[in-house]
Protein backbone atom coordinates (compact mmCIF):
# COMPACT_ATOMS: atom_id res chain seq x y z
CA MET A 1 0.00 0.00 0.00
CA ASN A 2 1.45 3.35 -0.96
CA ARG A 3 1.48 6.42 1.23
CA SER A 4 -1.33 8.19 -0.70
CA SER A 5 -3.67 5.20 -0.31
CA PHE A 6 -2.89 4.98 3.40
CA PHE A 7 -3.86 8.65 3.94
CA SER A 8 -7.03 8.22 1.86
CA ILE A 9 -8.10 5.25 3.99
CA CYS A 10 -7.34 7.15 7.22
CA LEU A 11 -9.37 10.14 6.00
CA LEU A 12 -12.24 7.87 5.05
CA LEU A 13 -12.19 6.24 8.52
CA VAL A 14 -12.21 9.66 10.19
CA LEU A 15 -15.18 10.78 8.09
CA VAL A 16 -17.10 7.55 8.66
CA PHE A 17 -16.55 7.15 12.41
CA VAL A 18 -15.60 10.49 13.93
CA ARG A 19 -17.96 12.91 12.14
CA PRO A 20 -21.22 10.99 12.90
CA SER A 21 -20.30 10.75 16.58
CA ALA A 22 -19.60 14.51 16.66
CA LEU A 23 -23.00 15.15 15.07
CA PHE A 24 -24.65 12.84 17.63
CA ALA A 25 -22.94 14.68 20.49
CA GLN A 26 -24.01 18.04 19.03
CA LYS A 27 -27.62 16.84 18.66
CA GLN A 28 -27.62 15.53 22.24
CA ALA A 29 -26.33 18.87 23.53
CA SER A 30 -29.06 20.85 21.72
CA SER A 31 -31.85 18.52 22.88
CA SER A 32 -30.66 18.71 26.47
CA LYS A 33 -31.13 22.50 26.57
CA LYS A 34 -32.72 23.47 29.89
CA GLN A 35 -36.49 23.60 29.71
CA TYR A 36 -38.81 25.71 31.85
CA ILE A 37 -42.40 25.18 32.91
CA VAL A 38 -45.00 27.12 30.95
CA SER A 39 -48.49 26.81 32.41
CA GLY A 40 -51.71 28.70 32.57
CA SER A 41 -55.39 28.58 31.83
CA ILE A 42 -57.58 28.74 28.75
CA THR A 43 -60.94 30.44 29.24
CA GLN A 44 -63.77 31.90 27.22
CA THR A 45 -66.20 34.78 27.53
CA ASN A 46 -69.32 35.36 25.43
CA SER A 47 -71.20 38.23 23.88
CA TYR A 48 -74.83 38.95 24.67
CA CYS A 49 -76.70 37.77 21.60
CA GLY A 50 -80.01 39.55 21.69
CA GLY A 51 -83.43 39.13 23.19
CA ALA A 52 -84.72 41.12 26.14
CA ARG A 53 -82.39 43.73 27.57
CA PRO A 54 -79.87 41.85 29.72
CA SER A 55 -79.54 42.47 33.43
CA GLU A 56 -76.22 43.60 34.89
CA GLU A 57 -75.94 40.11 36.38
CA MET A 58 -76.24 38.53 32.91
CA ILE A 59 -73.62 40.87 31.45
CA THR A 60 -71.27 40.14 34.34
CA ARG A 61 -71.78 36.38 33.89
CA LEU A 62 -71.07 36.58 30.14
CA ASN A 63 -67.95 38.68 30.74
CA THR A 64 -66.60 36.37 33.45
CA PRO A 65 -64.02 33.97 32.00
CA LYS A 66 -65.03 30.29 32.24
CA ALA A 67 -62.67 27.32 31.87
CA TRP A 68 -62.57 25.97 28.33
CA ALA A 69 -62.00 22.28 28.95
CA GLY A 70 -60.50 20.38 26.02
CA LYS A 71 -59.48 23.50 24.04
CA LYS A 72 -56.37 22.71 21.96
CA LEU A 73 -53.76 25.28 21.07
CA TYR A 74 -50.41 24.95 19.34
CA ILE A 75 -47.00 26.52 19.96
CA ARG A 76 -44.46 27.54 17.32
CA ASN A 77 -41.15 29.41 17.60
CA GLY A 78 -41.13 33.16 16.98
CA SER A 79 -43.53 36.04 17.40
CA GLU A 80 -45.67 35.50 14.30
CA ASN A 81 -47.30 32.53 12.64
CA SER A 82 -45.53 30.95 9.69
CA GLY A 83 -46.30 27.69 7.97
CA LYS A 84 -42.55 27.26 7.50
CA LYS A 85 -42.10 26.71 11.23
CA LYS A 86 -43.10 23.39 12.71
CA VAL A 87 -45.45 23.05 15.66
CA LEU A 88 -43.36 22.45 18.78
CA ARG A 89 -46.11 21.61 21.26
CA GLU A 90 -49.83 20.95 21.39
CA ILE A 91 -51.45 22.08 24.62
CA VAL A 92 -54.86 20.93 25.76
CA ALA A 93 -56.83 22.46 28.62
CA ASP A 94 -57.90 20.02 31.32
CA SER A 95 -61.38 20.03 32.89
CA ALA A 96 -60.48 23.15 34.90
CA GLY A 97 -59.04 24.93 31.85
CA HIS A 98 -55.42 24.48 32.98
CA PHE A 99 -52.44 23.36 30.91
CA SER A 100 -48.72 22.85 31.45
CA THR A 101 -45.73 22.13 29.19
CA LYS A 102 -41.98 22.69 29.14
CA LEU A 103 -40.02 24.85 26.70
CA PRO A 104 -36.46 26.16 26.48
CA SER A 105 -35.95 29.91 26.80
CA GLY A 106 -37.07 31.80 23.70
CA THR A 107 -39.97 33.58 22.02
CA TYR A 108 -43.06 31.56 21.12
CA CYS A 109 -46.33 31.93 19.25
CA ILE A 110 -49.63 30.36 20.33
CA ILE A 111 -51.98 29.57 17.46
CA GLU A 112 -55.33 27.87 16.92
CA LYS A 113 -56.03 24.66 14.99
CA GLU A 114 -57.05 26.58 11.84
CA GLN A 115 -53.64 28.33 11.82
CA VAL A 116 -51.52 25.17 11.85
CA LYS A 117 -51.92 24.36 8.15
CA ARG A 118 -51.53 26.80 5.28
CA LEU A 119 -54.52 29.15 5.06
CA ASN A 120 -57.28 27.73 2.87
CA THR A 121 -59.82 30.53 2.41
CA GLU A 122 -62.15 28.09 0.64
CA GLU A 123 -62.77 26.28 3.96
CA PHE A 124 -63.97 29.55 5.47
CA ARG A 125 -66.00 30.54 2.39
CA LYS A 126 -68.01 27.31 2.80
CA LYS A 127 -69.15 28.57 6.21
CA LYS A 128 -70.60 31.77 4.74
CA THR A 129 -74.35 32.10 4.68
CA GLU A 130 -76.78 34.81 3.73
CA ASN A 131 -76.32 36.35 7.18
CA LEU A 132 -72.63 35.48 7.76
CA LYS A 133 -70.16 37.55 5.74
CA LEU A 134 -66.46 36.71 5.47
CA ASP A 135 -63.74 39.38 5.37
CA GLU A 136 -60.94 37.59 3.48
CA GLU A 137 -58.33 40.31 4.06
CA CYS A 138 -59.05 40.11 7.80
CA LEU A 139 -58.69 36.32 7.57
CA LYS A 140 -55.24 36.56 5.96
CA GLN A 141 -54.08 38.96 8.66
CA TRP A 142 -55.56 36.76 11.40
CA TRP A 143 -53.78 33.67 10.07
CA SER A 144 -50.34 35.29 10.18
CA LYS A 145 -50.71 36.56 13.74
CA CYS A 146 -50.24 34.68 16.97
CA TYR A 147 -53.23 34.48 19.23
CA MET A 148 -50.65 35.28 21.86
CA SER A 149 -46.88 35.52 21.75
CA PHE A 150 -44.82 35.07 24.88
CA GLU A 151 -41.25 34.78 26.04
CA VAL A 152 -39.77 32.07 28.22
CA LYS A 153 -36.89 33.40 30.24
CA GLU A 154 -34.51 31.58 32.48
CA ALA A 155 -37.05 31.43 35.27
CA ASP A 156 -38.84 28.62 36.98
CA LYS A 157 -42.25 29.23 35.50
CA THR A 158 -44.14 31.26 32.91
CA ASP A 159 -47.87 31.74 33.62
CA LEU A 160 -50.23 32.47 30.75
CA ASN A 161 -53.91 33.30 30.89
CA ILE A 162 -55.50 32.90 27.48
CA ASN A 163 -59.08 34.08 27.04
CA PHE A 164 -61.17 33.70 23.89
CA HIS A 165 -64.15 35.98 23.43
CA ILE A 166 -66.91 34.23 21.46
CA PRO A 167 -68.99 36.67 19.38
CA CYS A 168 -72.63 36.02 18.54
CA PHE A 169 -73.77 33.80 15.67
CA THR A 170 -70.30 33.07 14.20
CA ASN A 171 -69.36 29.97 16.22
CA GLY A 172 -66.00 31.61 16.89
CA ILE A 173 -65.02 31.62 13.20
CA PRO A 174 -62.53 34.48 12.78
CA CYS A 175 -63.33 37.39 10.48
CA MET A 176 -67.01 36.46 10.12
CA LYS A 177 -69.64 39.10 10.69
CA TYR A 178 -73.28 38.39 11.35
CA THR A 179 -75.58 40.73 9.40
CA GLY A 180 -78.93 39.07 10.00
CA PRO A 181 -81.82 39.97 12.30
CA LEU A 182 -81.31 39.90 16.05
CA PRO A 183 -83.47 37.67 18.22
CA GLN A 184 -86.38 39.41 19.94
């Protein structure tokens, strides 16, 4: 074996055995980044949707946040929604509206189920009716925004309180406006 062949074989051995182990060590180091507890509650409030004039007690009850058991939200990196970024976590509210997860320090974006996939305005157009009007420009803006963005710092815990206000007659569909008659 000549000297050139010997060096070629040594280089090949280094590339085959040393480089993959370095990559594995690097991957292990990044996945072992310290994670912090992010917890909070997911609630909902409602609008008054017509009928007899509501009492102050009714208005107070509608404006008081209630636990939204089973509500799913998704977390991506960054401070705005982008389909190019993968979903890091799915959080689901328990029966009391609480959730908890762990994340490394950084800036994160909470989005709804409809914001996970690329925006398909046709899905929303199908929900239009004679009395429900869709604002497509509003929908595009809504899709690109986080419902909430937050920062995890090197602290023990980040508490988030996420409230959804449910407007009348739209079933919570964003950028829909009801234009029909109000109940008597």
